[in-house]
Amino acid sequence: MGVVIFLFAFASVRNSGRLVSKPNIKFVGENNLFITNENVSKLLIQKFKGIKNIPKETLVLNELENALKSSPMIKKAEVYVAVNGTLTAEIEQKTPIARVSTNASYYIDDDGLYMPLSNNYSARVPLVTGYVEKSNLKNIYIVASKISKDEFLRKHVVEIRQGMDKDIYLKLRQCQFLVQLGDVAFLDKKINNLKAFYQKNLKEKTLGNYSKVNLQFDNQVVCTKI
């Protein structure tokens, strides 16, 4: 028993004194990298002034995770050290669902939060134009979230426009008309009306006859001809 206790204590001391190797960065989820391995390593290095070749016992993993999550590109981070001293950081990036392009440019992520643009990759998501306040993205987020989850909208919507009165408009790919949603009330019903209108006029080859499609009225699609 004494020998077992001695060996366990010896192994624990030796393991705690083992030097940590260069960080191993793993990305989970999204394949397109908005933040690179070098960016993640830099965050770790800034926190510990050189993360490579320091004793394991000096690491505070929660602090490293919080340092990574301080990046506006990162949604979740988990940091752990293997027995052989390999420091691994598992990173889940934020997922952009719309790109604001007004006096400022940035993404809105799938939680409705600010996400900066990346120098490494540009997401193919609808543009957001018009009168947009970074502190008040609720309505834009509701519409963008609906678009990201709907196959028809993902395929056709290229722009979300917000007016001064907070009314929402959509611009569809290869269509001249503007879709007026108004507010976000009864959004599902409005989108269903839009789909029915689009399919009917696509079949009749009359989509090019309109300059505006208004979905604000209950159970109606009011169109303005060119």
C-alpha atoms as a PDB file:
ATOM      1  CA  MET A   1       0.000   0.000   0.000  1.00  0.00           C
ATOM      2  CA  GLY A   2       2.832   2.344   0.872  1.00  0.00           C
ATOM      3  CA  VAL A   3       4.512   1.712  -2.492  1.00  0.00           C
ATOM      4  CA  VAL A   4       1.250   2.438  -4.358  1.00  0.00           C
ATOM      5  CA  ILE A   5       0.743   5.718  -2.490  1.00  0.00           C
ATOM      6  CA  PHE A   6       4.361   6.714  -3.164  1.00  0.00           C
ATOM      7  CA  LEU A   7       4.068   5.979  -6.900  1.00  0.00           C
ATOM      8  CA  PHE A   8       0.793   7.886  -7.155  1.00  0.00           C
ATOM      9  CA  ALA A   9       2.239  10.924  -5.393  1.00  0.00           C
ATOM     10  CA  PHE A  10       5.393  10.766  -7.517  1.00  0.00           C
ATOM     11  CA  ALA A  11       3.339  10.578 -10.734  1.00  0.00           C
ATOM     12  CA  SER A  12       1.118  13.489  -9.645  1.00  0.00           C
ATOM     13  CA  VAL A  13       4.095  15.713  -8.862  1.00  0.00           C
ATOM     14  CA  ARG A  14       5.820  14.774 -12.100  1.00  0.00           C
ATOM     15  CA  ASN A  15       2.640  15.351 -14.118  1.00  0.00           C
ATOM     16  CA  SER A  16       1.988  18.766 -12.571  1.00  0.00           C
ATOM     17  CA  GLY A  17       5.521  19.792 -13.410  1.00  0.00           C
ATOM     18  CA  ARG A  18       5.309  18.626 -17.022  1.00  0.00           C
ATOM     19  CA  LEU A  19       5.770  21.428 -19.527  1.00  0.00           C
ATOM     20  CA  VAL A  20       2.856  22.420 -21.724  1.00  0.00           C
ATOM     21  CA  SER A  21       3.462  22.093 -25.450  1.00  0.00           C
ATOM     22  CA  LYS A  22       2.450  24.427 -28.247  1.00  0.00           C
ATOM     23  CA  PRO A  23      -1.367  24.856 -28.229  1.00  0.00           C
ATOM     24  CA  ASN A  24      -3.425  22.469 -30.362  1.00  0.00           C
ATOM     25  CA  ILE A  25      -6.400  24.367 -31.817  1.00  0.00           C
ATOM     26  CA  LYS A  26      -9.550  22.492 -32.856  1.00  0.00           C
ATOM     27  CA  PHE A  27     -12.563  24.119 -34.514  1.00  0.00           C
ATOM     28  CA  VAL A  28     -15.957  22.469 -34.111  1.00  0.00           C
ATOM     29  CA  GLY A  29     -19.061  23.160 -36.200  1.00  0.00           C
ATOM     30  CA  GLU A  30     -18.634  25.755 -38.956  1.00  0.00           C
ATOM     31  CA  ASN A  31     -15.967  24.723 -41.484  1.00  0.00           C
ATOM     32  CA  ASN A  32     -15.282  28.227 -42.784  1.00  0.00           C
ATOM     33  CA  LEU A  33     -12.853  29.926 -40.426  1.00  0.00           C
ATOM     34  CA  PHE A  34     -13.596  33.535 -39.486  1.00  0.00           C
ATOM     35  CA  ILE A  35     -10.824  33.344 -36.886  1.00  0.00           C
ATOM     36  CA  THR A  36      -7.573  31.485 -37.569  1.00  0.00           C
ATOM     37  CA  ASN A  37      -5.343  29.196 -35.497  1.00  0.00           C
ATOM     38  CA  GLU A  38      -2.884  32.089 -35.240  1.00  0.00           C
ATOM     39  CA  ASN A  39      -5.596  34.382 -33.839  1.00  0.00           C
ATOM     40  CA  VAL A  40      -6.525  31.842 -31.168  1.00  0.00           C
ATOM     41  CA  SER A  41      -2.886  31.194 -30.236  1.00  0.00           C
ATOM     42  CA  LYS A  42      -2.335  34.939 -29.927  1.00  0.00           C
ATOM     43  CA  LEU A  43      -5.219  35.243 -27.462  1.00  0.00           C
ATOM     44  CA  LEU A  44      -3.717  32.452 -25.361  1.00  0.00           C
ATOM     45  CA  ILE A  45      -0.225  33.938 -25.514  1.00  0.00           C
ATOM     46  CA  GLN A  46      -1.488  37.385 -24.522  1.00  0.00           C
ATOM     47  CA  LYS A  47      -3.160  35.848 -21.483  1.00  0.00           C
ATOM     48  CA  PHE A  48      -0.170  33.831 -20.302  1.00  0.00           C
ATOM     49  CA  LYS A  49       2.725  35.771 -21.831  1.00  0.00           C
ATOM     50  CA  GLY A  50       3.913  32.739 -23.786  1.00  0.00           C
ATOM     51  CA  ILE A  51       1.839  29.636 -23.218  1.00  0.00           C
ATOM     52  CA  LYS A  52       4.492  27.238 -24.547  1.00  0.00           C
ATOM     53  CA  ASN A  53       6.849  25.442 -22.165  1.00  0.00           C
ATOM     54  CA  ILE A  54       5.342  26.487 -18.824  1.00  0.00           C
ATOM     55  CA  PRO A  55       4.480  24.025 -16.004  1.00  0.00           C
ATOM     56  CA  LYS A  56       0.935  22.616 -16.116  1.00  0.00           C
ATOM     57  CA  GLU A  57       0.304  23.561 -12.493  1.00  0.00           C
ATOM     58  CA  THR A  58       0.580  27.270 -13.342  1.00  0.00           C
ATOM     59  CA  LEU A  59      -2.265  27.098 -15.871  1.00  0.00           C
ATOM     60  CA  VAL A  60      -5.741  28.303 -14.919  1.00  0.00           C
ATOM     61  CA  LEU A  61      -7.899  26.812 -17.645  1.00  0.00           C
ATOM     62  CA  ASN A  62     -10.999  28.882 -16.846  1.00  0.00           C
ATOM     63  CA  GLU A  63      -9.002  32.049 -17.382  1.00  0.00           C
ATOM     64  CA  LEU A  64      -7.797  30.788 -20.753  1.00  0.00           C
ATOM     65  CA  GLU A  65     -11.367  29.917 -21.775  1.00  0.00           C
ATOM     66  CA  ASN A  66     -12.596  33.360 -20.725  1.00  0.00           C
ATOM     67  CA  ALA A  67      -9.778  34.973 -22.697  1.00  0.00           C
ATOM     68  CA  LEU A  68     -10.888  33.085 -25.812  1.00  0.00           C
ATOM     69  CA  LYS A  69     -14.578  33.857 -25.271  1.00  0.00           C
ATOM     70  CA  SER A  70     -13.701  37.555 -25.034  1.00  0.00           C
ATOM     71  CA  SER A  71     -13.193  37.440 -28.810  1.00  0.00           C
ATOM     72  CA  PRO A  72     -16.343  38.653 -30.620  1.00  0.00           C
ATOM     73  CA  MET A  73     -15.745  35.863 -33.170  1.00  0.00           C
ATOM     74  CA  ILE A  74     -15.962  33.027 -30.621  1.00  0.00           C
ATOM     75  CA  LYS A  75     -19.207  31.604 -29.244  1.00  0.00           C
ATOM     76  CA  LYS A  76     -17.831  28.807 -27.029  1.00  0.00           C
ATOM     77  CA  ALA A  77     -14.370  27.679 -25.937  1.00  0.00           C
ATOM     78  CA  GLU A  78     -13.108  24.696 -23.971  1.00  0.00           C
ATOM     79  CA  VAL A  79      -9.465  24.396 -22.928  1.00  0.00           C
ATOM     80  CA  TYR A  80      -7.836  21.302 -21.429  1.00  0.00           C
ATOM     81  CA  VAL A  81      -4.400  19.744 -21.003  1.00  0.00           C
ATOM     82  CA  ALA A  82      -3.719  16.088 -21.871  1.00  0.00           C
ATOM     83  CA  VAL A  83      -1.467  13.852 -19.745  1.00  0.00           C
ATOM     84  CA  ASN A  84       1.375  14.310 -22.242  1.00  0.00           C
ATOM     85  CA  GLY A  85       1.258  18.085 -21.755  1.00  0.00           C
ATOM     86  CA  THR A  86      -0.632  18.977 -24.952  1.00  0.00           C
ATOM     87  CA  LEU A  87      -2.794  22.047 -24.440  1.00  0.00           C
ATOM     88  CA  THR A  88      -5.940  21.818 -26.578  1.00  0.00           C
ATOM     89  CA  ALA A  89      -8.456  24.575 -27.229  1.00  0.00           C
ATOM     90  CA  GLU A  90     -11.770  23.551 -28.813  1.00  0.00           C
ATOM     91  CA  ILE A  91     -13.405  26.549 -30.475  1.00  0.00           C
ATOM     92  CA  GLU A  92     -16.959  27.061 -31.693  1.00  0.00           C
ATOM     93  CA  GLN A  93     -17.244  30.184 -33.818  1.00  0.00           C
ATOM     94  CA  LYS A  94     -20.244  32.462 -33.973  1.00  0.00           C
ATOM     95  CA  THR A  95     -22.546  31.905 -36.978  1.00  0.00           C
ATOM     96  CA  PRO A  96     -23.459  35.037 -38.968  1.00  0.00           C
ATOM     97  CA  ILE A  97     -26.990  35.247 -40.422  1.00  0.00           C
ATOM     98  CA  ALA A  98     -26.922  38.780 -41.864  1.00  0.00           C
ATOM     99  CA  ARG A  99     -24.381  41.454 -42.753  1.00  0.00           C
ATOM    100  CA  VAL A 100     -25.090  45.082 -41.885  1.00  0.00           C
ATOM    101  CA  SER A 101     -23.844  47.451 -44.556  1.00  0.00           C
ATOM    102  CA  THR A 102     -24.661  51.027 -43.546  1.00  0.00           C
ATOM    103  CA  ASN A 103     -22.318  53.608 -42.026  1.00  0.00           C
ATOM    104  CA  ALA A 104     -20.816  50.636 -40.173  1.00  0.00           C
ATOM    105  CA  SER A 105     -20.226  47.087 -41.398  1.00  0.00           C
ATOM    106  CA  TYR A 106     -20.604  43.998 -39.229  1.00  0.00           C
ATOM    107  CA  TYR A 107     -22.472  40.701 -38.956  1.00  0.00           C
ATOM    108  CA  ILE A 108     -25.479  39.781 -36.845  1.00  0.00           C
ATOM    109  CA  ASP A 109     -24.974  36.285 -35.431  1.00  0.00           C
ATOM    110  CA  ASP A 110     -27.587  33.571 -34.798  1.00  0.00           C
ATOM    111  CA  ASP A 111     -28.094  34.865 -31.248  1.00  0.00           C
ATOM    112  CA  GLY A 112     -28.887  38.366 -32.501  1.00  0.00           C
ATOM    113  CA  LEU A 113     -25.538  39.750 -31.334  1.00  0.00           C
ATOM    114  CA  TYR A 114     -22.805  41.831 -32.931  1.00  0.00           C
ATOM    115  CA  MET A 115     -20.056  39.965 -34.787  1.00  0.00           C
ATOM    116  CA  PRO A 116     -17.228  41.795 -36.585  1.00  0.00           C
ATOM    117  CA  LEU A 117     -16.295  41.134 -40.189  1.00  0.00           C
ATOM    118  CA  SER A 118     -13.414  38.759 -40.793  1.00  0.00           C
ATOM    119  CA  ASN A 119     -10.320  39.292 -42.918  1.00  0.00           C
ATOM    120  CA  ASN A 120     -10.140  35.532 -43.369  1.00  0.00           C
ATOM    121  CA  TYR A 121     -13.596  34.675 -44.722  1.00  0.00           C
ATOM    122  CA  SER A 122     -16.730  36.479 -45.927  1.00  0.00           C
ATOM    123  CA  ALA A 123     -20.089  34.802 -45.265  1.00  0.00           C
ATOM    124  CA  ARG A 124     -22.785  34.669 -47.957  1.00  0.00           C
ATOM    125  CA  VAL A 125     -25.687  36.087 -45.986  1.00  0.00           C
ATOM    126  CA  PRO A 126     -28.312  38.781 -46.758  1.00  0.00           C
ATOM    127  CA  LEU A 127     -27.183  42.405 -46.628  1.00  0.00           C
ATOM    128  CA  VAL A 128     -28.899  44.717 -44.155  1.00  0.00           C
ATOM    129  CA  THR A 129     -29.329  48.304 -45.318  1.00  0.00           C
ATOM    130  CA  GLY A 130     -31.313  51.408 -44.382  1.00  0.00           C
ATOM    131  CA  TYR A 131     -31.679  52.828 -40.875  1.00  0.00           C
ATOM    132  CA  VAL A 132     -30.037  50.344 -38.538  1.00  0.00           C
ATOM    133  CA  GLU A 133     -28.942  50.905 -34.931  1.00  0.00           C
ATOM    134  CA  LYS A 134     -26.425  48.488 -33.432  1.00  0.00           C
ATOM    135  CA  SER A 135     -28.209  48.831 -30.085  1.00  0.00           C
ATOM    136  CA  ASN A 136     -31.592  47.888 -31.582  1.00  0.00           C
ATOM    137  CA  LEU A 137     -31.261  44.870 -33.883  1.00  0.00           C
ATOM    138  CA  LYS A 138     -34.324  42.967 -32.633  1.00  0.00           C
ATOM    139  CA  ASN A 139     -36.569  43.257 -35.718  1.00  0.00           C
ATOM    140  CA  ILE A 140     -33.701  42.722 -38.154  1.00  0.00           C
ATOM    141  CA  TYR A 141     -32.646  39.653 -36.168  1.00  0.00           C
ATOM    142  CA  ILE A 142     -36.175  38.170 -36.210  1.00  0.00           C
ATOM    143  CA  VAL A 143     -36.368  38.485 -40.000  1.00  0.00           C
ATOM    144  CA  ALA A 144     -32.773  37.331 -40.602  1.00  0.00           C
ATOM    145  CA  SER A 145     -33.312  34.335 -38.337  1.00  0.00           C
ATOM    146  CA  LYS A 146     -36.446  33.409 -40.275  1.00  0.00           C
ATOM    147  CA  ILE A 147     -34.522  33.660 -43.547  1.00  0.00           C
ATOM    148  CA  SER A 148     -31.658  31.477 -42.282  1.00  0.00           C
ATOM    149  CA  LYS A 149     -34.076  28.672 -41.358  1.00  0.00           C
ATOM    150  CA  ASP A 150     -36.254  28.762 -44.494  1.00  0.00           C
ATOM    151  CA  GLU A 151     -35.017  27.151 -47.731  1.00  0.00           C
ATOM    152  CA  PHE A 152     -37.072  29.415 -50.036  1.00  0.00           C
ATOM    153  CA  LEU A 153     -35.941  32.611 -48.278  1.00  0.00           C
ATOM    154  CA  ARG A 154     -32.275  31.533 -48.128  1.00  0.00           C
ATOM    155  CA  LYS A 155     -32.351  30.970 -51.866  1.00  0.00           C
ATOM    156  CA  HIS A 156     -34.105  34.197 -52.865  1.00  0.00           C
ATOM    157  CA  VAL A 157     -33.576  36.974 -50.281  1.00  0.00           C
ATOM    158  CA  VAL A 158     -30.434  39.028 -50.891  1.00  0.00           C
ATOM    159  CA  GLU A 159     -31.224  42.178 -48.872  1.00  0.00           C
ATOM    160  CA  ILE A 160     -33.126  43.234 -45.768  1.00  0.00           C
ATOM    161  CA  ARG A 161     -33.901  46.951 -45.688  1.00  0.00           C
ATOM    162  CA  GLN A 162     -35.205  48.838 -42.663  1.00  0.00           C
ATOM    163  CA  GLY A 163     -36.943  52.187 -43.079  1.00  0.00           C
ATOM    164  CA  MET A 164     -36.891  55.116 -40.665  1.00  0.00           C
ATOM    165  CA  ASP A 165     -40.315  53.967 -39.411  1.00  0.00           C
ATOM    166  CA  LYS A 166     -38.831  50.498 -38.673  1.00  0.00           C
ATOM    167  CA  ASP A 167     -40.797  48.901 -41.513  1.00  0.00           C
ATOM    168  CA  ILE A 168     -38.945  45.966 -43.051  1.00  0.00           C
ATOM    169  CA  TYR A 169     -38.485  45.424 -46.799  1.00  0.00           C
ATOM    170  CA  LEU A 170     -36.961  42.487 -48.647  1.00  0.00           C
ATOM    171  CA  LYS A 171     -35.139  42.425 -51.964  1.00  0.00           C
ATOM    172  CA  LEU A 172     -35.257  39.158 -53.869  1.00  0.00           C
ATOM    173  CA  ARG A 173     -32.649  37.778 -56.235  1.00  0.00           C
ATOM    174  CA  GLN A 174     -33.319  38.650 -59.905  1.00  0.00           C
ATOM    175  CA  CYS A 175     -36.568  40.502 -59.059  1.00  0.00           C
ATOM    176  CA  GLN A 176     -37.182  44.216 -59.594  1.00  0.00           C
ATOM    177  CA  PHE A 177     -39.953  44.549 -57.012  1.00  0.00           C
ATOM    178  CA  LEU A 178     -39.488  45.380 -53.337  1.00  0.00           C
ATOM    179  CA  VAL A 179     -41.312  43.234 -50.777  1.00  0.00           C
ATOM    180  CA  GLN A 180     -42.847  45.306 -47.980  1.00  0.00           C
ATOM    181  CA  LEU A 181     -43.227  43.239 -44.800  1.00  0.00           C
ATOM    182  CA  GLY A 182     -44.038  46.147 -42.511  1.00  0.00           C
ATOM    183  CA  ASP A 183     -43.465  45.109 -38.896  1.00  0.00           C
ATOM    184  CA  VAL A 184     -42.601  41.584 -37.791  1.00  0.00           C
ATOM    185  CA  ALA A 185     -46.098  40.707 -36.555  1.00  0.00           C
ATOM    186  CA  PHE A 186     -47.647  37.634 -38.256  1.00  0.00           C
ATOM    187  CA  LEU A 187     -44.337  37.048 -40.016  1.00  0.00           C
ATOM    188  CA  ASP A 188     -45.034  33.394 -40.858  1.00  0.00           C
ATOM    189  CA  LYS A 189     -48.339  34.280 -42.531  1.00  0.00           C
ATOM    190  CA  LYS A 190     -46.694  37.071 -44.529  1.00  0.00           C
ATOM    191  CA  ILE A 191     -43.939  34.766 -45.733  1.00  0.00           C
ATOM    192  CA  ASN A 192     -46.487  32.118 -46.761  1.00  0.00           C
ATOM    193  CA  ASN A 193     -48.342  34.777 -48.767  1.00  0.00           C
ATOM    194  CA  LEU A 194     -45.069  35.796 -50.413  1.00  0.00           C
ATOM    195  CA  LYS A 195     -44.303  32.188 -51.385  1.00  0.00           C
ATOM    196  CA  ALA A 196     -47.773  31.721 -52.889  1.00  0.00           C
ATOM    197  CA  PHE A 197     -47.480  34.996 -54.830  1.00  0.00           C
ATOM    198  CA  TYR A 198     -43.996  34.126 -56.085  1.00  0.00           C
ATOM    199  CA  GLN A 199     -44.856  30.618 -57.261  1.00  0.00           C
ATOM    200  CA  LYS A 200     -48.038  31.775 -59.020  1.00  0.00           C
ATOM    201  CA  ASN A 201     -46.346  34.616 -60.863  1.00  0.00           C
ATOM    202  CA  LEU A 202     -43.261  32.546 -61.638  1.00  0.00           C
ATOM    203  CA  LYS A 203     -45.513  30.035 -63.369  1.00  0.00           C
ATOM    204  CA  GLU A 204     -47.327  32.822 -65.250  1.00  0.00           C
ATOM    205  CA  LYS A 205     -44.021  34.604 -66.006  1.00  0.00           C
ATOM    206  CA  THR A 206     -45.342  37.884 -64.572  1.00  0.00           C
ATOM    207  CA  LEU A 207     -42.803  38.537 -61.789  1.00  0.00           C
ATOM    208  CA  GLY A 208     -41.323  41.353 -63.859  1.00  0.00           C
ATOM    209  CA  ASN A 209     -44.630  43.262 -63.930  1.00  0.00           C
ATOM    210  CA  TYR A 210     -44.415  44.661 -60.403  1.00  0.00           C
ATOM    211  CA  SER A 211     -42.435  47.334 -58.568  1.00  0.00           C
ATOM    212  CA  LYS A 212     -43.732  46.604 -55.058  1.00  0.00           C
ATOM    213  CA  VAL A 213     -45.363  43.681 -53.279  1.00  0.00           C
ATOM    214  CA  ASN A 214     -47.058  44.720 -50.027  1.00  0.00           C
ATOM    215  CA  LEU A 215     -47.685  42.000 -47.435  1.00  0.00           C
ATOM    216  CA  GLN A 216     -48.872  44.220 -44.576  1.00  0.00           C
ATOM    217  CA  PHE A 217     -52.571  43.541 -45.045  1.00  0.00           C
ATOM    218  CA  ASP A 218     -54.225  40.476 -43.531  1.00  0.00           C
ATOM    219  CA  ASN A 219     -54.656  37.615 -46.015  1.00  0.00           C
ATOM    220  CA  GLN A 220     -53.822  39.887 -48.960  1.00  0.00           C
ATOM    221  CA  VAL A 221     -50.940  40.579 -51.281  1.00  0.00           C
ATOM    222  CA  VAL A 222     -51.247  44.107 -52.670  1.00  0.00           C
ATOM    223  CA  CYS A 223     -49.067  44.657 -55.743  1.00  0.00           C
ATOM    224  CA  THR A 224     -47.994  47.823 -57.522  1.00  0.00           C
ATOM    225  CA  LYS A 225     -47.467  47.409 -61.241  1.00  0.00           C
ATOM    226  CA  ILE A 226     -44.556  48.992 -63.056  1.00  0.00           C
END
